[in-house]
N, C-alpha and C. Protein backbone atom coordinates (compact mmCIF):
# COMPACT_ATOMS: atom_id res chain seq x y z
N ASP A 1 93.20 -151.03 92.43
CA ASP A 1 92.98 -150.91 90.99
C ASP A 1 94.32 -150.84 90.29
N SER A 2 94.40 -151.40 89.10
CA SER A 2 95.65 -151.36 88.35
C SER A 2 95.38 -150.99 86.91
N ASN A 3 96.43 -150.58 86.23
CA ASN A 3 96.31 -150.30 84.80
C ASN A 3 97.41 -151.05 84.07
N ASP A 4 97.58 -150.80 82.79
CA ASP A 4 98.53 -151.55 81.98
C ASP A 4 99.97 -151.34 82.40
N SER A 5 100.29 -150.24 83.07
CA SER A 5 101.68 -149.97 83.46
C SER A 5 102.08 -150.70 84.73
N GLY A 6 101.14 -151.36 85.40
CA GLY A 6 101.46 -152.04 86.64
C GLY A 6 101.39 -151.12 87.85
N PHE A 7 100.94 -149.90 87.69
CA PHE A 7 100.82 -148.93 88.77
C PHE A 7 99.46 -149.09 89.42
N PHE A 8 99.41 -149.20 90.74
CA PHE A 8 98.13 -149.26 91.40
C PHE A 8 98.19 -148.64 92.78
N ILE A 9 97.03 -148.25 93.28
CA ILE A 9 96.89 -147.67 94.60
C ILE A 9 95.87 -148.54 95.35
N THR A 10 96.23 -148.88 96.58
CA THR A 10 95.29 -149.65 97.40
C THR A 10 95.02 -148.90 98.69
N TYR A 11 93.88 -149.17 99.27
CA TYR A 11 93.49 -148.57 100.55
C TYR A 11 92.93 -149.70 101.40
N ASP A 12 93.54 -149.92 102.57
CA ASP A 12 93.06 -151.04 103.38
C ASP A 12 91.93 -150.65 104.32
N GLY A 13 91.69 -149.34 104.51
CA GLY A 13 90.54 -148.88 105.27
C GLY A 13 90.60 -149.15 106.77
N THR A 14 91.72 -149.59 107.30
CA THR A 14 91.79 -149.92 108.72
C THR A 14 92.31 -148.78 109.57
N GLY A 15 92.74 -147.70 108.95
CA GLY A 15 93.29 -146.58 109.71
C GLY A 15 94.76 -146.75 110.00
N GLY A 16 95.33 -147.89 109.67
CA GLY A 16 96.77 -148.11 109.85
C GLY A 16 97.50 -147.71 108.60
N ALA A 17 98.22 -148.65 108.04
CA ALA A 17 98.95 -148.41 106.80
C ALA A 17 97.93 -148.36 105.68
N GLU A 18 97.53 -147.14 105.31
CA GLU A 18 96.35 -146.98 104.47
C GLU A 18 96.61 -146.95 102.98
N ILE A 19 97.70 -146.40 102.54
CA ILE A 19 97.89 -146.22 101.11
C ILE A 19 99.18 -146.90 100.68
N GLU A 20 99.10 -147.63 99.61
CA GLU A 20 100.28 -148.24 99.00
C GLU A 20 100.30 -147.81 97.55
N ILE A 21 101.39 -147.21 97.14
CA ILE A 21 101.57 -146.84 95.74
C ILE A 21 102.71 -147.70 95.24
N LYS A 22 102.46 -148.43 94.19
CA LYS A 22 103.45 -149.40 93.74
C LYS A 22 103.61 -149.32 92.23
N ALA A 23 104.83 -149.22 91.77
CA ALA A 23 105.12 -149.23 90.34
C ALA A 23 105.98 -150.45 90.05
N ASP A 24 105.36 -151.51 89.61
CA ASP A 24 106.06 -152.76 89.30
C ASP A 24 106.94 -153.24 90.45
N GLY A 25 106.52 -153.02 91.70
CA GLY A 25 107.24 -153.51 92.86
C GLY A 25 108.44 -152.69 93.28
N ASP A 26 108.65 -151.52 92.66
CA ASP A 26 109.85 -150.75 92.94
C ASP A 26 109.68 -149.62 93.94
N LEU A 27 108.46 -149.19 94.21
CA LEU A 27 108.27 -148.07 95.12
C LEU A 27 107.05 -148.31 96.00
N ILE A 28 107.25 -148.22 97.30
CA ILE A 28 106.16 -148.39 98.27
C ILE A 28 106.14 -147.13 99.14
N LEU A 29 105.00 -146.48 99.23
CA LEU A 29 104.83 -145.33 100.11
C LEU A 29 103.75 -145.67 101.12
N ASN A 30 104.03 -145.46 102.41
CA ASN A 30 103.07 -145.76 103.46
C ASN A 30 102.52 -147.17 103.33
N GLY A 31 103.42 -148.10 103.10
CA GLY A 31 103.03 -149.50 102.96
C GLY A 31 102.74 -150.13 104.31
N SER A 32 102.96 -151.40 104.42
CA SER A 32 102.59 -152.14 105.62
C SER A 32 103.37 -151.72 106.85
N ASN A 33 104.44 -150.94 106.67
CA ASN A 33 105.26 -150.51 107.80
C ASN A 33 105.03 -149.05 108.18
N GLY A 34 103.84 -148.53 107.93
CA GLY A 34 103.53 -147.16 108.35
C GLY A 34 104.10 -146.12 107.43
N ASP A 35 105.00 -145.27 107.94
CA ASP A 35 105.52 -144.15 107.15
C ASP A 35 106.80 -144.50 106.41
N ASN A 36 107.15 -145.76 106.30
CA ASN A 36 108.38 -146.16 105.63
C ASN A 36 108.23 -146.07 104.12
N VAL A 37 109.33 -145.72 103.45
CA VAL A 37 109.38 -145.66 102.00
C VAL A 37 110.39 -146.68 101.53
N GLY A 38 110.01 -147.48 100.57
CA GLY A 38 110.91 -148.47 100.02
C GLY A 38 111.15 -148.23 98.55
N ILE A 39 112.39 -148.27 98.15
CA ILE A 39 112.76 -148.19 96.73
C ILE A 39 113.49 -149.47 96.41
N GLY A 40 112.92 -150.25 95.51
CA GLY A 40 113.51 -151.53 95.15
C GLY A 40 113.20 -152.63 96.15
N THR A 41 112.32 -152.36 97.10
CA THR A 41 111.92 -153.36 98.09
C THR A 41 110.44 -153.19 98.40
N ASP A 42 109.72 -154.31 98.53
CA ASP A 42 108.31 -154.27 98.88
C ASP A 42 108.09 -154.19 100.38
N SER A 43 109.15 -154.36 101.18
CA SER A 43 109.02 -154.39 102.64
C SER A 43 110.03 -153.47 103.31
N PRO A 44 109.85 -152.14 103.19
CA PRO A 44 110.81 -151.23 103.83
C PRO A 44 110.76 -151.36 105.35
N THR A 45 111.94 -151.41 105.97
CA THR A 45 112.02 -151.57 107.42
C THR A 45 112.49 -150.32 108.14
N THR A 46 112.89 -149.28 107.38
CA THR A 46 113.30 -148.00 107.96
C THR A 46 112.57 -146.89 107.21
N THR A 47 112.71 -145.65 107.68
CA THR A 47 112.03 -144.52 107.06
C THR A 47 112.31 -144.47 105.56
N LEU A 48 113.56 -144.68 105.16
CA LEU A 48 113.92 -144.82 103.75
C LEU A 48 114.77 -146.07 103.62
N ASP A 49 114.28 -147.03 102.88
CA ASP A 49 114.96 -148.31 102.71
C ASP A 49 115.21 -148.51 101.22
N VAL A 50 116.47 -148.44 100.81
CA VAL A 50 116.83 -148.55 99.40
C VAL A 50 117.57 -149.86 99.17
N GLU A 51 117.07 -150.65 98.25
CA GLU A 51 117.76 -151.87 97.82
C GLU A 51 118.43 -151.52 96.50
N GLY A 52 119.74 -151.34 96.53
CA GLY A 52 120.46 -150.94 95.32
C GLY A 52 121.41 -149.80 95.61
N THR A 53 121.92 -149.20 94.57
CA THR A 53 122.92 -148.15 94.67
C THR A 53 122.26 -146.78 94.72
N VAL A 54 122.78 -145.90 95.59
CA VAL A 54 122.30 -144.54 95.70
C VAL A 54 123.41 -143.62 95.20
N SER A 55 123.05 -142.61 94.42
CA SER A 55 124.07 -141.66 93.99
C SER A 55 123.75 -140.29 94.58
N TYR A 56 124.79 -139.45 94.69
CA TYR A 56 124.67 -138.14 95.31
C TYR A 56 125.11 -137.08 94.32
N LYS A 57 124.64 -135.85 94.54
CA LYS A 57 125.08 -134.76 93.69
C LYS A 57 126.55 -134.48 93.98
N HIS A 58 127.30 -134.39 92.94
CA HIS A 58 128.74 -134.15 93.00
C HIS A 58 129.00 -132.78 92.38
N THR A 59 129.76 -131.94 93.07
CA THR A 59 130.13 -130.64 92.54
C THR A 59 131.64 -130.55 92.48
N ALA A 60 132.17 -130.24 91.30
CA ALA A 60 133.61 -130.03 91.15
C ALA A 60 133.89 -128.56 91.45
N PHE A 61 135.00 -128.30 92.15
CA PHE A 61 135.30 -126.95 92.58
C PHE A 61 136.79 -126.71 92.46
N THR A 62 137.16 -125.60 91.84
CA THR A 62 138.57 -125.22 91.76
C THR A 62 138.65 -123.70 91.65
N THR A 63 139.35 -123.08 92.59
CA THR A 63 139.53 -121.63 92.56
C THR A 63 140.60 -121.26 93.57
N ALA A 64 141.27 -120.17 93.32
CA ALA A 64 142.21 -119.66 94.30
C ALA A 64 141.41 -118.97 95.40
N GLY A 65 141.86 -119.03 96.63
CA GLY A 65 141.10 -118.48 97.73
C GLY A 65 141.69 -117.19 98.26
N PRO A 66 141.24 -116.68 99.39
CA PRO A 66 140.17 -117.33 100.17
C PRO A 66 138.82 -117.20 99.47
N THR A 67 137.97 -118.16 99.69
CA THR A 67 136.66 -118.18 99.07
C THR A 67 135.61 -118.33 100.15
N ASP A 68 134.70 -117.38 100.21
CA ASP A 68 133.58 -117.43 101.14
C ASP A 68 132.31 -117.70 100.34
N ASN A 69 131.30 -118.17 101.02
CA ASN A 69 129.99 -118.35 100.43
C ASN A 69 129.97 -119.32 99.24
N VAL A 70 130.68 -120.43 99.35
CA VAL A 70 130.64 -121.46 98.32
C VAL A 70 129.27 -122.12 98.39
N ASP A 71 128.54 -122.12 97.28
CA ASP A 71 127.18 -122.66 97.25
C ASP A 71 127.22 -124.19 97.23
N VAL A 72 126.67 -124.82 98.27
CA VAL A 72 126.64 -126.27 98.36
C VAL A 72 125.19 -126.77 98.37
N SER A 73 124.28 -126.01 97.76
CA SER A 73 122.88 -126.42 97.67
C SER A 73 122.80 -127.80 97.03
N ASP A 74 122.12 -128.71 97.69
CA ASP A 74 121.88 -130.06 97.17
C ASP A 74 123.16 -130.83 96.86
N THR A 75 124.28 -130.43 97.45
CA THR A 75 125.57 -131.09 97.17
C THR A 75 125.92 -132.03 98.31
N THR A 76 126.39 -133.21 97.96
CA THR A 76 126.87 -134.17 98.95
C THR A 76 128.38 -134.30 98.89
N VAL A 77 128.95 -134.26 97.68
CA VAL A 77 130.40 -134.38 97.51
C VAL A 77 130.91 -133.12 96.83
N LEU A 78 131.81 -132.40 97.52
CA LEU A 78 132.49 -131.24 96.94
C LEU A 78 133.90 -131.69 96.63
N GLU A 79 134.16 -131.95 95.36
CA GLU A 79 135.48 -132.41 94.92
C GLU A 79 136.31 -131.20 94.55
N VAL A 80 137.43 -131.01 95.26
CA VAL A 80 138.24 -129.81 95.09
C VAL A 80 139.52 -130.17 94.34
N ASP A 81 139.71 -129.51 93.19
CA ASP A 81 140.89 -129.71 92.35
C ASP A 81 141.92 -128.63 92.70
N THR A 82 143.03 -129.06 93.28
CA THR A 82 144.10 -128.12 93.66
C THR A 82 145.29 -128.24 92.73
N SER A 83 145.10 -128.83 91.55
CA SER A 83 146.24 -129.09 90.65
C SER A 83 146.94 -127.81 90.20
N SER A 84 146.22 -126.68 90.13
CA SER A 84 146.86 -125.46 89.65
C SER A 84 147.02 -124.39 90.71
N ASN A 85 146.42 -124.56 91.89
CA ASN A 85 146.55 -123.54 92.93
C ASN A 85 146.05 -124.07 94.28
N ASN A 86 146.41 -123.36 95.35
CA ASN A 86 145.87 -123.63 96.67
C ASN A 86 144.41 -123.18 96.70
N VAL A 87 143.59 -123.83 97.52
CA VAL A 87 142.19 -123.45 97.67
C VAL A 87 141.89 -123.28 99.15
N THR A 88 141.35 -122.11 99.51
CA THR A 88 140.95 -121.82 100.88
C THR A 88 139.46 -121.51 100.89
N ILE A 89 138.72 -122.20 101.77
CA ILE A 89 137.27 -122.00 101.85
C ILE A 89 136.94 -121.48 103.25
N GLY A 90 136.23 -120.34 103.30
CA GLY A 90 135.90 -119.72 104.58
C GLY A 90 134.46 -119.86 105.00
N GLY A 91 133.58 -120.36 104.13
CA GLY A 91 132.18 -120.52 104.50
C GLY A 91 131.35 -120.98 103.31
N PHE A 92 130.12 -121.36 103.60
CA PHE A 92 129.23 -121.89 102.58
C PHE A 92 127.91 -121.15 102.57
N THR A 93 127.12 -121.36 101.52
CA THR A 93 125.72 -120.98 101.45
C THR A 93 124.95 -122.18 100.94
N GLY A 94 123.65 -122.17 101.19
CA GLY A 94 122.78 -123.19 100.63
C GLY A 94 122.67 -124.47 101.44
N GLY A 95 123.40 -124.59 102.54
CA GLY A 95 123.32 -125.78 103.37
C GLY A 95 122.01 -125.83 104.14
N VAL A 96 121.47 -127.04 104.32
CA VAL A 96 120.22 -127.21 105.05
C VAL A 96 120.44 -128.13 106.24
N GLN A 97 119.57 -128.02 107.24
CA GLN A 97 119.70 -128.83 108.44
C GLN A 97 119.70 -130.31 108.09
N GLY A 98 120.71 -131.01 108.62
CA GLY A 98 120.84 -132.44 108.39
C GLY A 98 121.71 -132.80 107.20
N GLN A 99 122.12 -131.82 106.41
CA GLN A 99 122.93 -132.10 105.23
C GLN A 99 124.34 -132.52 105.65
N ILE A 100 124.84 -133.55 105.00
CA ILE A 100 126.22 -134.01 105.19
C ILE A 100 126.98 -133.63 103.93
N LEU A 101 128.17 -133.08 104.10
CA LEU A 101 129.01 -132.67 102.97
C LEU A 101 130.37 -133.32 103.11
N TYR A 102 130.78 -134.02 102.06
CA TYR A 102 132.12 -134.60 101.99
C TYR A 102 132.97 -133.69 101.11
N ILE A 103 134.06 -133.16 101.68
CA ILE A 103 135.00 -132.34 100.90
C ILE A 103 136.20 -133.22 100.62
N VAL A 104 136.51 -133.40 99.33
CA VAL A 104 137.55 -134.33 98.92
C VAL A 104 138.58 -133.60 98.06
N LYS A 105 139.85 -133.70 98.46
CA LYS A 105 140.97 -133.15 97.69
C LYS A 105 141.47 -134.26 96.78
N THR A 106 141.50 -134.00 95.47
CA THR A 106 141.77 -135.05 94.49
C THR A 106 143.12 -134.94 93.81
N ASP A 107 143.97 -134.08 94.30
CA ASP A 107 145.29 -133.91 93.70
C ASP A 107 146.29 -133.64 94.81
N THR A 108 147.54 -134.13 94.68
CA THR A 108 148.51 -133.90 95.75
C THR A 108 149.21 -132.55 95.63
N ALA A 109 149.05 -131.88 94.49
CA ALA A 109 149.68 -130.56 94.33
C ALA A 109 148.94 -129.54 95.20
N ASN A 110 149.68 -128.62 95.78
CA ASN A 110 149.12 -127.51 96.56
C ASN A 110 148.33 -128.01 97.77
N PHE A 111 147.47 -127.17 98.34
CA PHE A 111 146.69 -127.58 99.52
C PHE A 111 145.27 -127.05 99.42
N ILE A 112 144.42 -127.62 100.26
CA ILE A 112 143.09 -127.08 100.50
C ILE A 112 143.03 -126.75 101.99
N GLN A 113 142.44 -125.61 102.30
CA GLN A 113 142.33 -125.18 103.69
C GLN A 113 140.90 -124.75 103.98
N LEU A 114 140.37 -125.18 105.12
CA LEU A 114 139.09 -124.69 105.62
C LEU A 114 139.39 -123.73 106.76
N GLU A 115 138.69 -122.58 106.77
CA GLU A 115 138.89 -121.58 107.80
C GLU A 115 137.87 -121.78 108.92
N HIS A 116 138.37 -121.93 110.13
CA HIS A 116 137.52 -122.12 111.31
C HIS A 116 136.86 -120.81 111.72
N ASN A 117 135.53 -120.80 111.80
CA ASN A 117 134.76 -119.66 112.30
C ASN A 117 135.27 -118.35 111.70
N GLU A 118 135.40 -118.32 110.40
CA GLU A 118 136.01 -117.21 109.67
C GLU A 118 135.18 -115.93 109.76
N GLY A 119 133.84 -116.08 109.79
CA GLY A 119 133.00 -114.90 109.96
C GLY A 119 132.57 -114.24 108.68
N GLY A 120 133.17 -114.59 107.55
CA GLY A 120 132.81 -113.95 106.29
C GLY A 120 131.79 -114.73 105.48
N GLY A 121 131.58 -115.97 105.85
CA GLY A 121 130.64 -116.79 105.10
C GLY A 121 129.24 -116.70 105.68
N SER A 122 128.25 -116.93 104.85
CA SER A 122 126.87 -116.96 105.34
C SER A 122 126.70 -118.10 106.33
N GLN A 123 127.37 -119.23 106.06
CA GLN A 123 127.35 -120.37 106.98
C GLN A 123 128.80 -120.69 107.32
N ASP A 124 129.20 -120.30 108.53
CA ASP A 124 130.58 -120.52 108.96
C ASP A 124 130.86 -121.99 109.21
N ILE A 125 132.14 -122.33 109.21
CA ILE A 125 132.62 -123.70 109.42
C ILE A 125 133.28 -123.76 110.79
N PHE A 126 132.91 -124.76 111.59
CA PHE A 126 133.52 -124.97 112.90
C PHE A 126 134.25 -126.30 112.86
N LEU A 127 135.58 -126.23 113.00
CA LEU A 127 136.44 -127.41 112.86
C LEU A 127 136.82 -127.98 114.21
N THR A 128 137.07 -129.29 114.26
CA THR A 128 137.37 -129.97 115.52
C THR A 128 138.62 -129.43 116.18
N SER A 129 139.56 -128.93 115.41
CA SER A 129 140.81 -128.41 115.96
C SER A 129 140.63 -127.04 116.62
N GLY A 130 139.53 -126.35 116.28
CA GLY A 130 139.33 -124.99 116.79
C GLY A 130 140.16 -123.96 116.05
N SER A 131 140.82 -124.38 114.97
CA SER A 131 141.60 -123.46 114.15
C SER A 131 141.53 -123.94 112.70
N ASP A 132 142.09 -123.14 111.79
CA ASP A 132 142.09 -123.51 110.37
C ASP A 132 142.75 -124.87 110.19
N ASP A 133 142.22 -125.68 109.26
CA ASP A 133 142.77 -127.00 108.95
C ASP A 133 143.17 -127.04 107.49
N ARG A 134 144.24 -127.78 107.21
CA ARG A 134 144.77 -127.86 105.85
C ARG A 134 145.08 -129.31 105.50
N VAL A 135 144.77 -129.67 104.25
CA VAL A 135 145.15 -130.97 103.69
C VAL A 135 146.10 -130.71 102.54
N VAL A 136 147.26 -131.36 102.56
CA VAL A 136 148.25 -131.16 101.50
C VAL A 136 148.41 -132.37 100.59
N GLY A 137 147.94 -133.53 101.00
CA GLY A 137 147.95 -134.72 100.14
C GLY A 137 146.53 -135.00 99.70
N TYR A 138 146.22 -136.25 99.41
CA TYR A 138 144.83 -136.63 99.16
C TYR A 138 144.08 -136.65 100.49
N GLY A 139 142.79 -136.42 100.46
CA GLY A 139 142.00 -136.52 101.69
C GLY A 139 140.93 -135.47 101.76
N GLY A 140 140.43 -135.23 102.97
CA GLY A 140 139.39 -134.23 103.14
C GLY A 140 138.67 -134.31 104.46
N TRP A 141 137.43 -133.81 104.49
CA TRP A 141 136.62 -133.69 105.69
C TRP A 141 135.20 -134.20 105.45
N THR A 142 134.53 -134.50 106.54
CA THR A 142 133.09 -134.74 106.55
C THR A 142 132.49 -133.67 107.44
N LEU A 143 131.51 -132.91 106.92
CA LEU A 143 130.88 -131.82 107.66
C LEU A 143 129.38 -132.04 107.78
N TYR A 144 128.79 -131.51 108.85
CA TYR A 144 127.36 -131.57 109.10
C TYR A 144 126.82 -130.13 109.21
N CYS A 145 125.67 -129.87 108.59
CA CYS A 145 125.04 -128.55 108.67
C CYS A 145 123.83 -128.60 109.59
N ASN A 146 123.74 -127.61 110.49
CA ASN A 146 122.56 -127.52 111.35
C ASN A 146 121.56 -126.51 110.80
N GLY A 147 121.77 -126.05 109.57
CA GLY A 147 120.91 -125.06 108.93
C GLY A 147 121.49 -123.67 108.99
N THR A 148 122.41 -123.44 109.93
CA THR A 148 123.02 -122.13 110.10
C THR A 148 124.53 -122.17 109.91
N SER A 149 125.16 -123.24 110.42
CA SER A 149 126.62 -123.38 110.38
C SER A 149 126.97 -124.82 110.00
N TRP A 150 128.26 -125.03 109.75
CA TRP A 150 128.79 -126.36 109.41
C TRP A 150 129.74 -126.80 110.51
N PHE A 151 129.70 -128.09 110.86
CA PHE A 151 130.52 -128.64 111.94
C PHE A 151 131.26 -129.87 111.43
N ALA A 152 132.58 -129.90 111.69
CA ALA A 152 133.40 -131.04 111.25
C ALA A 152 133.03 -132.28 112.04
N LEU A 153 132.84 -133.38 111.34
CA LEU A 153 132.62 -134.68 111.96
C LEU A 153 133.89 -135.51 111.91
N SER A 154 134.91 -134.95 111.25
CA SER A 154 136.18 -135.66 111.11
C SER A 154 137.31 -134.65 111.15
N ASN A 155 138.48 -135.13 111.56
CA ASN A 155 139.68 -134.33 111.44
C ASN A 155 140.15 -134.46 110.00
N PRO A 156 140.89 -133.48 109.49
CA PRO A 156 141.32 -133.59 108.10
C PRO A 156 142.24 -134.79 107.92
N THR A 157 142.18 -135.35 106.74
CA THR A 157 143.07 -136.45 106.40
C THR A 157 143.90 -136.02 105.20
N GLY A 158 145.04 -136.63 105.04
CA GLY A 158 145.88 -136.31 103.89
C GLY A 158 147.31 -136.12 104.31
N ALA A 159 148.17 -137.00 103.84
CA ALA A 159 149.58 -136.93 104.20
C ALA A 159 150.27 -135.80 103.46
N ALA A 160 151.35 -135.30 104.05
CA ALA A 160 152.11 -134.23 103.41
C ALA A 160 152.70 -134.72 102.10
N ASP A 161 152.80 -133.81 101.16
CA ASP A 161 153.37 -134.15 99.86
C ASP A 161 154.55 -133.22 99.57
N ALA A 162 155.12 -133.35 98.39
CA ALA A 162 156.27 -132.54 98.02
C ALA A 162 155.87 -131.14 97.60
N GLY A 163 154.54 -130.89 97.43
CA GLY A 163 154.06 -129.57 96.98
C GLY A 163 153.98 -128.66 98.10
């Protein structure tokens, strides 16, 4: 059935891919590929198949440290401004299992430091080096949350600067 907006729901009754919800061809739920969701595509081939650009929640952060319990709820990019001071982060809150967090230093002045297994944060950070890591130029880290702690997927990047 359809209405004037082009939105319709179909049921094929075969017990397979049973429900298709479509809004002018832009969104398919449980379409012909089972549990796949398509945005901007009528034929999703993976669990989430997006044709087009995806944006992520960006959080700007600037504070003198050490800082524990930085809230990263629903955050994908934590952009850290070190233009006026060094920033040290010892742990996070709000991280969920499977969340990826990109920490990006956007200024060459001062440094950003992550504390390895600091113990003061609700969700501690475990770095590949096994010790605190620091970026003094541009750069940062990629971290993964298991729901309890954060684990570095990358070594810090960022060349030394004059600061």
